[in-house]
Amino acid sequence: MPDGRVVVVTGAARGIGRAHARALAEQGARVVVDDIAGARECAERLRDDGLRGVADESDVGTWDGARRLVTGTIARFGALGGRRDRGADHRPAHHPAGGRARR
C-alpha cells in the first residue's frame, strides 16, 4: 500500500521508529525521517540501501515543530500520505500528563 506515498515517521532515528521507517521505505514509500537527533544518519542509511528517505529534525513535541514538519513535507513532495508517530507525546498541553515529549 505505501508504494510511492509520502510517509512521515516521527522518532525515526532509532528503535521502533527506525524499523518502521525502513519497513515503509522497503514497501516503496518516500519516507520523511523525523527526529530531533539522528534523523540525517537514518535517512542516509536508507539512501545507501537504495531506498527513499529524507531527514527532518523538527521537534514534534511542540505545535510549531509539528507544523514545520507537515508544511515542509507538503512543500517538498506536494502531499502527505501517512504518518507513524513514534516520537513525541501528542497530548495537548492542558492534558493532566502535559503535552511535551517525554524522552
Foldseek 3Di string as FASTA:
>chain_A
DQAAAEEEQAPCQDDPSVVVQLVSQVVHHQYEYEALPRQCVSQVVCVVVVTHYHYDNFQPLDPVSVVCVVVVSCVVPVDHDYYHYPWAQCDDQPPPVGRGGDD
